[in-house]
């Protein structure tokens, strides 16, 4: 995960002429909180590890980080947050992601 994330960030930075103020990283949704994931705690622990690495990397490198994992962790108690495939976030979940991301995205493009 770490080498891939670094590579993706490097590519993004190339596209914005190394202006870190123009990019942000999203946390990973937690698929354990879906009928398919069935509350599998090992999935959640790995997601926490990945997200922790990404957040720390962003802090150390002055890159914005947006945490959306908590939205997906409501999937077992709110099935409307899970798509009909019982694995991915639903349209409602994505709209909640956008609500969280949009203010930062607007700030970055202005």
C-alpha atoms as a PDB file:
ATOM      1  CA  UNK A   1       0.000   0.000   0.000  1.00  0.00           C
ATOM      2  CA  UNK A   2       2.649   2.521   1.045  1.00  0.00           C
ATOM      3  CA  UNK A   3       4.699   2.414  -2.189  1.00  0.00           C
ATOM      4  CA  UNK A   4       1.527   2.581  -4.292  1.00  0.00           C
ATOM      5  CA  UNK A   5       0.168   5.544  -2.349  1.00  0.00           C
ATOM      6  CA  UNK A   6       3.462   7.399  -2.654  1.00  0.00           C
ATOM      7  CA  UNK A   7       3.512   6.724  -6.403  1.00  0.00           C
ATOM      8  CA  UNK A   8      -0.071   7.960  -6.838  1.00  0.00           C
ATOM      9  CA  UNK A   9       0.719  11.121  -4.874  1.00  0.00           C
ATOM     10  CA  UNK A  10       3.862  11.685  -6.956  1.00  0.00           C
ATOM     11  CA  UNK A  11       1.813  11.392 -10.153  1.00  0.00           C
ATOM     12  CA  UNK A  12      -0.818  13.783  -8.802  1.00  0.00           C
ATOM     13  CA  UNK A  13       1.871  16.265  -7.814  1.00  0.00           C
ATOM     14  CA  UNK A  14       3.394  16.111 -11.287  1.00  0.00           C
ATOM     15  CA  UNK A  15       0.003  16.982 -12.751  1.00  0.00           C
ATOM     16  CA  UNK A  16      -0.283  20.087 -10.552  1.00  0.00           C
ATOM     17  CA  UNK A  17       3.333  21.229 -10.969  1.00  0.00           C
ATOM     18  CA  UNK A  18       4.197  20.022  -7.445  1.00  0.00           C
ATOM     19  CA  UNK A  19       1.651  22.340  -5.791  1.00  0.00           C
ATOM     20  CA  UNK A  20       0.562  20.331  -2.745  1.00  0.00           C
ATOM     21  CA  UNK A  21      -2.208  22.817  -2.049  1.00  0.00           C
ATOM     22  CA  UNK A  22      -4.089  21.455  -5.070  1.00  0.00           C
ATOM     23  CA  UNK A  23      -4.437  17.826  -3.991  1.00  0.00           C
ATOM     24  CA  UNK A  24      -6.055  15.868  -1.193  1.00  0.00           C
ATOM     25  CA  UNK A  25      -6.187  12.233  -0.151  1.00  0.00           C
ATOM     26  CA  UNK A  26      -9.332  10.377   0.915  1.00  0.00           C
ATOM     27  CA  UNK A  27      -9.437   7.705   3.553  1.00  0.00           C
ATOM     28  CA  UNK A  28     -10.454   4.221   2.438  1.00  0.00           C
ATOM     29  CA  UNK A  29     -14.086   3.171   2.940  1.00  0.00           C
ATOM     30  CA  UNK A  30     -14.554   0.228   5.293  1.00  0.00           C
ATOM     31  CA  UNK A  31     -16.153  -2.636   3.397  1.00  0.00           C
ATOM     32  CA  UNK A  32     -16.455  -4.685   6.581  1.00  0.00           C
ATOM     33  CA  UNK A  33     -19.583  -2.682   7.377  1.00  0.00           C
ATOM     34  CA  UNK A  34     -21.548  -4.185   4.513  1.00  0.00           C
ATOM     35  CA  UNK A  35     -23.546  -7.403   4.243  1.00  0.00           C
ATOM     36  CA  UNK A  36     -20.680  -8.844   2.178  1.00  0.00           C
ATOM     37  CA  UNK A  37     -18.044  -7.855   4.769  1.00  0.00           C
ATOM     38  CA  UNK A  38     -20.314  -9.012   7.594  1.00  0.00           C
ATOM     39  CA  UNK A  39     -18.521  -6.952  10.258  1.00  0.00           C
ATOM     40  CA  UNK A  40     -15.158  -8.665   9.650  1.00  0.00           C
ATOM     41  CA  UNK A  41     -12.853  -6.945  12.145  1.00  0.00           C
ATOM     42  CA  UNK A  42      -9.650  -7.966  10.365  1.00  0.00           C
ATOM     43  CA  UNK A  43     -10.791  -5.905   7.366  1.00  0.00           C
ATOM     44  CA  UNK A  44     -11.427  -2.921   9.629  1.00  0.00           C
ATOM     45  CA  UNK A  45      -8.036  -3.266  11.301  1.00  0.00           C
ATOM     46  CA  UNK A  46      -6.293  -3.273   7.918  1.00  0.00           C
ATOM     47  CA  UNK A  47      -8.343  -0.287   6.766  1.00  0.00           C
ATOM     48  CA  UNK A  48      -7.315   1.534   9.960  1.00  0.00           C
ATOM     49  CA  UNK A  49      -3.653   0.735   9.258  1.00  0.00           C
ATOM     50  CA  UNK A  50      -3.877   2.007   5.675  1.00  0.00           C
ATOM     51  CA  UNK A  51      -5.750   5.130   6.698  1.00  0.00           C
ATOM     52  CA  UNK A  52      -3.327   5.826   9.521  1.00  0.00           C
ATOM     53  CA  UNK A  53      -0.380   5.561   7.143  1.00  0.00           C
ATOM     54  CA  UNK A  54      -2.080   7.839   4.605  1.00  0.00           C
ATOM     55  CA  UNK A  55      -3.056  10.429   7.201  1.00  0.00           C
ATOM     56  CA  UNK A  56       0.429  10.491   8.732  1.00  0.00           C
ATOM     57  CA  UNK A  57       2.014  10.733   5.286  1.00  0.00           C
ATOM     58  CA  UNK A  58      -0.252  13.651   4.468  1.00  0.00           C
ATOM     59  CA  UNK A  59       0.538  15.418   7.751  1.00  0.00           C
ATOM     60  CA  UNK A  60       4.287  14.944   7.232  1.00  0.00           C
ATOM     61  CA  UNK A  61       4.078  16.191   3.647  1.00  0.00           C
ATOM     62  CA  UNK A  62       1.582  19.022   4.123  1.00  0.00           C
ATOM     63  CA  UNK A  63      -1.119  17.372   1.996  1.00  0.00           C
ATOM     64  CA  UNK A  64      -4.818  17.638   2.836  1.00  0.00           C
ATOM     65  CA  UNK A  65      -6.518  14.462   4.071  1.00  0.00           C
ATOM     66  CA  UNK A  66     -10.266  13.839   4.182  1.00  0.00           C
ATOM     67  CA  UNK A  67     -11.646  11.108   6.432  1.00  0.00           C
ATOM     68  CA  UNK A  68     -14.759   9.375   5.043  1.00  0.00           C
ATOM     69  CA  UNK A  69     -14.374   5.943   6.634  1.00  0.00           C
ATOM     70  CA  UNK A  70     -16.747   6.769   9.476  1.00  0.00           C
ATOM     71  CA  UNK A  71     -19.569   7.223   6.969  1.00  0.00           C
ATOM     72  CA  UNK A  72     -19.113   3.688   5.626  1.00  0.00           C
ATOM     73  CA  UNK A  73     -18.886   2.287   9.148  1.00  0.00           C
ATOM     74  CA  UNK A  74     -22.577   3.047   9.526  1.00  0.00           C
ATOM     75  CA  UNK A  75     -23.429   0.599   6.727  1.00  0.00           C
ATOM     76  CA  UNK A  76     -24.621  -2.274   8.887  1.00  0.00           C
ATOM     77  CA  UNK A  77     -26.960  -0.078  10.927  1.00  0.00           C
ATOM     78  CA  UNK A  78     -28.016   2.021   7.929  1.00  0.00           C
ATOM     79  CA  UNK A  79     -28.360  -0.259   4.888  1.00  0.00           C
ATOM     80  CA  UNK A  80     -29.146   2.786   2.724  1.00  0.00           C
ATOM     81  CA  UNK A  81     -25.402   3.519   2.789  1.00  0.00           C
ATOM     82  CA  UNK A  82     -24.637   0.250   0.973  1.00  0.00           C
ATOM     83  CA  UNK A  83     -25.190  -0.312  -2.755  1.00  0.00           C
ATOM     84  CA  UNK A  84     -27.390  -3.122  -4.007  1.00  0.00           C
ATOM     85  CA  UNK A  85     -24.305  -5.290  -4.585  1.00  0.00           C
ATOM     86  CA  UNK A  86     -24.010  -5.477  -0.752  1.00  0.00           C
ATOM     87  CA  UNK A  87     -20.361  -4.374  -0.916  1.00  0.00           C
ATOM     88  CA  UNK A  88     -19.847  -0.837  -2.206  1.00  0.00           C
ATOM     89  CA  UNK A  89     -21.025   2.521  -0.880  1.00  0.00           C
ATOM     90  CA  UNK A  90     -24.421   3.609  -2.153  1.00  0.00           C
ATOM     91  CA  UNK A  91     -25.407   6.810  -3.875  1.00  0.00           C
ATOM     92  CA  UNK A  92     -26.383   8.166  -0.448  1.00  0.00           C
ATOM     93  CA  UNK A  93     -22.946   7.355   0.960  1.00  0.00           C
ATOM     94  CA  UNK A  94     -21.260   9.019  -2.001  1.00  0.00           C
ATOM     95  CA  UNK A  95     -23.404  12.114  -1.515  1.00  0.00           C
ATOM     96  CA  UNK A  96     -22.222  12.201   2.113  1.00  0.00           C
ATOM     97  CA  UNK A  97     -18.614  11.872   0.880  1.00  0.00           C
ATOM     98  CA  UNK A  98     -19.212  14.822  -1.438  1.00  0.00           C
ATOM     99  CA  UNK A  99     -20.671  16.890   1.415  1.00  0.00           C
ATOM    100  CA  UNK A 100     -17.454  16.335   3.327  1.00  0.00           C
ATOM    101  CA  UNK A 101     -15.109  16.828   0.355  1.00  0.00           C
ATOM    102  CA  UNK A 102     -16.785  19.715  -1.455  1.00  0.00           C
ATOM    103  CA  UNK A 103     -15.744  22.601   0.824  1.00  0.00           C
ATOM    104  CA  UNK A 104     -12.095  21.555   0.562  1.00  0.00           C
ATOM    105  CA  UNK A 105     -12.326  20.971  -3.192  1.00  0.00           C
ATOM    106  CA  UNK A 106     -13.821  24.424  -3.735  1.00  0.00           C
ATOM    107  CA  UNK A 107     -11.074  25.955  -1.624  1.00  0.00           C
ATOM    108  CA  UNK A 108      -8.429  24.179  -3.696  1.00  0.00           C
ATOM    109  CA  UNK A 109      -9.747  25.279  -7.074  1.00  0.00           C
ATOM    110  CA  UNK A 110     -10.272  28.934  -6.174  1.00  0.00           C
END
